[in-house]
């Protein structure tokens, strides 16, 4: 039973971590400058914005996959627990 409990905790921690990553990336994307506004900024700021946006999009995707992978861990732990209960009964 302890193995299953650890799997649940690990999966839930991973989901929370992924959601924090998604929230942070979404916040960065929401606060980033739109292309029309980039033209009005100095050259240094305009050159910086696309790479920041790309990094935020990558972080968003990483967070999504992190949540999906850890949700699968929780699903598997749930299946194992169900099998253990069925076997024990």
N, C-alpha and C. Protein backbone atom coordinates (compact mmCIF):
# COMPACT_ATOMS: atom_id res chain seq x y z
N UNK A 1 0.81 -1.20 0.00
CA UNK A 1 0.00 0.00 0.00
C UNK A 1 0.85 1.26 0.00
N UNK A 2 1.96 1.22 0.65
CA UNK A 2 2.83 2.39 0.73
C UNK A 2 3.32 2.80 -0.66
N UNK A 3 3.61 1.82 -1.50
CA UNK A 3 4.07 2.12 -2.86
C UNK A 3 3.01 2.91 -3.61
N UNK A 4 1.77 2.50 -3.49
CA UNK A 4 0.67 3.19 -4.18
C UNK A 4 0.50 4.60 -3.63
N UNK A 5 0.59 4.76 -2.30
CA UNK A 5 0.47 6.08 -1.69
C UNK A 5 1.56 7.02 -2.19
N UNK A 6 2.78 6.50 -2.30
CA UNK A 6 3.87 7.32 -2.82
C UNK A 6 3.63 7.71 -4.27
N UNK A 7 3.08 6.80 -5.06
CA UNK A 7 2.80 7.09 -6.46
C UNK A 7 1.74 8.20 -6.56
N UNK A 8 0.70 8.12 -5.72
CA UNK A 8 -0.31 9.17 -5.72
C UNK A 8 0.30 10.52 -5.36
N UNK A 9 1.10 10.54 -4.31
CA UNK A 9 1.73 11.79 -3.87
C UNK A 9 2.67 12.36 -4.92
N UNK A 10 3.46 11.49 -5.54
CA UNK A 10 4.37 11.93 -6.59
C UNK A 10 3.60 12.49 -7.77
N UNK A 11 2.55 11.80 -8.18
CA UNK A 11 1.73 12.26 -9.30
C UNK A 11 1.07 13.59 -9.00
N UNK A 12 0.52 13.73 -7.82
CA UNK A 12 -0.15 14.98 -7.46
C UNK A 12 0.85 16.14 -7.37
N UNK A 13 2.03 15.87 -6.81
CA UNK A 13 3.06 16.92 -6.76
C UNK A 13 3.47 17.35 -8.16
N UNK A 14 3.60 16.39 -9.05
CA UNK A 14 3.97 16.70 -10.43
C UNK A 14 2.89 17.50 -11.13
N UNK A 15 1.64 17.17 -10.88
CA UNK A 15 0.54 17.92 -11.48
C UNK A 15 0.56 19.36 -10.98
N UNK A 16 0.77 19.54 -9.68
CA UNK A 16 0.84 20.90 -9.12
C UNK A 16 2.00 21.68 -9.71
N UNK A 17 3.14 21.02 -9.86
CA UNK A 17 4.32 21.68 -10.44
C UNK A 17 4.04 22.09 -11.88
N UNK A 18 3.43 21.20 -12.64
CA UNK A 18 3.09 21.51 -14.02
C UNK A 18 2.10 22.66 -14.13
N UNK A 19 1.13 22.67 -13.23
CA UNK A 19 0.15 23.77 -13.25
C UNK A 19 0.80 25.10 -12.90
N UNK A 20 1.76 25.08 -11.97
CA UNK A 20 2.48 26.33 -11.67
C UNK A 20 3.25 26.81 -12.89
N UNK A 21 3.87 25.87 -13.62
CA UNK A 21 4.62 26.22 -14.83
C UNK A 21 3.68 26.81 -15.88
N UNK A 22 2.51 26.19 -16.04
CA UNK A 22 1.52 26.68 -17.01
C UNK A 22 1.04 28.07 -16.61
N UNK A 23 0.73 28.26 -15.33
CA UNK A 23 0.27 29.57 -14.85
C UNK A 23 1.32 30.65 -15.08
N UNK A 24 2.58 30.33 -14.78
CA UNK A 24 3.65 31.30 -14.96
C UNK A 24 3.83 31.65 -16.44
N UNK A 25 3.85 30.63 -17.29
CA UNK A 25 4.02 30.86 -18.73
C UNK A 25 2.84 31.65 -19.29
N UNK A 26 1.63 31.31 -18.86
CA UNK A 26 0.45 32.03 -19.34
C UNK A 26 0.50 33.49 -18.91
N UNK A 27 0.95 33.73 -17.70
CA UNK A 27 1.08 35.11 -17.22
C UNK A 27 2.11 35.88 -18.03
N UNK A 28 3.23 35.23 -18.33
CA UNK A 28 4.27 35.88 -19.15
C UNK A 28 3.75 36.18 -20.55
N UNK A 29 3.00 35.24 -21.12
CA UNK A 29 2.45 35.44 -22.46
C UNK A 29 1.44 36.58 -22.44
N UNK A 30 0.59 36.61 -21.41
CA UNK A 30 -0.44 37.65 -21.32
C UNK A 30 0.18 39.04 -21.15
N UNK A 31 1.31 39.11 -20.48
CA UNK A 31 1.93 40.41 -20.25
C UNK A 31 2.93 40.78 -21.34
N UNK A 32 3.15 39.88 -22.30
CA UNK A 32 4.11 40.19 -23.37
C UNK A 32 3.52 41.23 -24.31
N UNK A 33 4.39 41.84 -25.08
CA UNK A 33 3.99 42.91 -25.99
C UNK A 33 3.45 42.33 -27.28
N UNK A 34 2.41 42.92 -27.79
CA UNK A 34 1.86 42.49 -29.07
C UNK A 34 2.77 42.95 -30.20
N UNK A 35 2.77 42.26 -31.34
CA UNK A 35 3.66 42.66 -32.44
C UNK A 35 3.51 44.12 -32.86
N UNK A 36 2.31 44.67 -32.87
CA UNK A 36 2.13 46.06 -33.26
C UNK A 36 2.80 47.00 -32.25
N UNK A 37 2.82 46.62 -31.00
CA UNK A 37 3.44 47.45 -29.98
C UNK A 37 4.95 47.28 -29.96
N UNK A 38 5.45 46.15 -30.44
CA UNK A 38 6.88 45.91 -30.47
C UNK A 38 7.57 46.91 -31.38
N UNK A 39 6.90 47.28 -32.50
CA UNK A 39 7.48 48.22 -33.46
C UNK A 39 7.71 49.59 -32.83
N UNK A 40 6.89 49.97 -31.87
CA UNK A 40 7.00 51.28 -31.26
C UNK A 40 8.07 51.33 -30.18
N UNK A 41 8.59 50.16 -29.78
CA UNK A 41 9.60 50.11 -28.73
C UNK A 41 10.99 50.29 -29.31
N UNK A 42 11.97 50.60 -28.46
CA UNK A 42 13.35 50.65 -28.93
C UNK A 42 13.78 49.31 -29.51
N UNK A 43 14.79 49.32 -30.33
CA UNK A 43 15.26 48.12 -31.02
C UNK A 43 15.62 47.01 -30.04
N UNK A 44 16.27 47.35 -28.93
CA UNK A 44 16.67 46.33 -27.96
C UNK A 44 15.45 45.61 -27.39
N UNK A 45 14.41 46.34 -27.04
CA UNK A 45 13.20 45.74 -26.47
C UNK A 45 12.46 44.93 -27.52
N UNK A 46 12.43 45.41 -28.75
CA UNK A 46 11.76 44.69 -29.82
C UNK A 46 12.46 43.38 -30.11
N UNK A 47 13.78 43.38 -30.06
CA UNK A 47 14.54 42.16 -30.31
C UNK A 47 14.36 41.16 -29.17
N UNK A 48 14.14 41.65 -27.97
CA UNK A 48 14.01 40.79 -26.80
C UNK A 48 12.65 40.12 -26.75
N UNK A 49 11.58 40.78 -27.17
CA UNK A 49 10.22 40.29 -27.00
C UNK A 49 9.96 38.94 -27.66
N UNK A 50 10.35 38.70 -28.92
CA UNK A 50 10.03 37.41 -29.53
C UNK A 50 10.68 36.23 -28.80
N UNK A 51 11.93 36.37 -28.36
CA UNK A 51 12.57 35.25 -27.67
C UNK A 51 11.91 35.01 -26.31
N UNK A 52 11.48 36.06 -25.64
CA UNK A 52 10.75 35.89 -24.38
C UNK A 52 9.43 35.18 -24.61
N UNK A 53 8.75 35.56 -25.68
CA UNK A 53 7.48 34.93 -26.01
C UNK A 53 7.69 33.46 -26.37
N UNK A 54 8.72 33.17 -27.14
CA UNK A 54 9.02 31.79 -27.51
C UNK A 54 9.34 30.96 -26.27
N UNK A 55 10.12 31.51 -25.37
CA UNK A 55 10.44 30.81 -24.13
C UNK A 55 9.20 30.54 -23.30
N UNK A 56 8.29 31.50 -23.26
CA UNK A 56 7.05 31.32 -22.52
C UNK A 56 6.17 30.26 -23.16
N UNK A 57 6.13 30.23 -24.49
CA UNK A 57 5.35 29.21 -25.18
C UNK A 57 5.93 27.81 -24.94
N UNK A 58 7.26 27.73 -24.91
CA UNK A 58 7.91 26.45 -24.61
C UNK A 58 7.57 26.03 -23.18
N UNK A 59 7.63 26.96 -22.24
CA UNK A 59 7.27 26.67 -20.85
C UNK A 59 5.82 26.22 -20.72
N UNK A 60 4.95 26.83 -21.49
CA UNK A 60 3.54 26.44 -21.48
C UNK A 60 3.37 25.00 -21.95
N UNK A 61 4.06 24.66 -23.02
CA UNK A 61 3.99 23.29 -23.55
C UNK A 61 4.61 22.29 -22.58
N UNK A 62 5.74 22.66 -21.98
CA UNK A 62 6.37 21.77 -21.01
C UNK A 62 5.44 21.52 -19.83
N UNK A 63 4.80 22.56 -19.35
CA UNK A 63 3.87 22.42 -18.23
C UNK A 63 2.71 21.51 -18.59
N UNK A 64 2.21 21.66 -19.80
CA UNK A 64 1.10 20.81 -20.25
C UNK A 64 1.50 19.34 -20.25
N UNK A 65 2.68 19.05 -20.80
CA UNK A 65 3.14 17.66 -20.84
C UNK A 65 3.45 17.14 -19.44
N UNK A 66 3.94 18.01 -18.58
CA UNK A 66 4.22 17.60 -17.20
C UNK A 66 2.92 17.20 -16.50
N UNK A 67 1.88 17.98 -16.69
CA UNK A 67 0.58 17.66 -16.08
C UNK A 67 0.04 16.36 -16.66
N UNK A 68 0.12 16.20 -17.99
CA UNK A 68 -0.40 14.99 -18.61
C UNK A 68 0.34 13.74 -18.12
N UNK A 69 1.66 13.83 -18.04
CA UNK A 69 2.46 12.68 -17.60
C UNK A 69 2.13 12.31 -16.16
N UNK A 70 2.02 13.29 -15.32
CA UNK A 70 1.74 13.00 -13.91
C UNK A 70 0.29 12.56 -13.69
N UNK A 71 -0.62 13.02 -14.53
CA UNK A 71 -1.99 12.52 -14.46
C UNK A 71 -2.01 11.03 -14.80
N UNK A 72 -1.16 10.64 -15.72
CA UNK A 72 -1.05 9.22 -16.07
C UNK A 72 -0.47 8.42 -14.89
N UNK A 73 0.46 9.00 -14.15
CA UNK A 73 1.00 8.34 -12.96
C UNK A 73 -0.13 8.10 -11.95
N UNK A 74 -0.96 9.10 -11.73
CA UNK A 74 -2.08 8.96 -10.79
C UNK A 74 -3.06 7.90 -11.29
N UNK A 75 -3.35 7.91 -12.59
CA UNK A 75 -4.24 6.89 -13.16
C UNK A 75 -3.69 5.49 -12.93
N UNK A 76 -2.41 5.32 -13.19
CA UNK A 76 -1.78 4.01 -13.02
C UNK A 76 -1.80 3.58 -11.56
N UNK A 77 -1.51 4.50 -10.65
CA UNK A 77 -1.56 4.17 -9.22
C UNK A 77 -2.98 3.77 -8.82
N UNK A 78 -3.97 4.45 -9.39
CA UNK A 78 -5.36 4.11 -9.12
C UNK A 78 -5.68 2.70 -9.62
N UNK A 79 -5.20 2.37 -10.81
CA UNK A 79 -5.42 1.03 -11.36
C UNK A 79 -4.75 -0.03 -10.49
N UNK A 80 -3.53 0.24 -10.05
CA UNK A 80 -2.80 -0.71 -9.20
C UNK A 80 -3.55 -0.90 -7.89
N UNK A 81 -4.00 0.19 -7.30
CA UNK A 81 -4.74 0.08 -6.05
C UNK A 81 -6.02 -0.73 -6.25
N UNK A 82 -6.72 -0.49 -7.36
CA UNK A 82 -7.92 -1.26 -7.67
C UNK A 82 -7.62 -2.74 -7.81
N UNK A 83 -6.52 -3.05 -8.48
CA UNK A 83 -6.12 -4.45 -8.65
C UNK A 83 -5.78 -5.07 -7.30
N UNK A 84 -5.06 -4.33 -6.45
CA UNK A 84 -4.72 -4.85 -5.13
C UNK A 84 -5.97 -5.13 -4.30
N UNK A 85 -6.94 -4.22 -4.38
CA UNK A 85 -8.17 -4.40 -3.62
C UNK A 85 -8.95 -5.60 -4.15
N UNK A 86 -9.01 -5.74 -5.49
CA UNK A 86 -9.72 -6.88 -6.08
C UNK A 86 -9.04 -8.19 -5.73
N UNK A 87 -7.71 -8.20 -5.72
CA UNK A 87 -6.97 -9.40 -5.39
C UNK A 87 -7.15 -9.78 -3.94
N UNK A 88 -7.17 -8.78 -3.09
CA UNK A 88 -7.29 -8.99 -1.65
C UNK A 88 -8.70 -9.46 -1.27
N UNK A 89 -9.71 -9.03 -2.01
CA UNK A 89 -11.11 -9.33 -1.65
C UNK A 89 -11.54 -10.72 -2.01
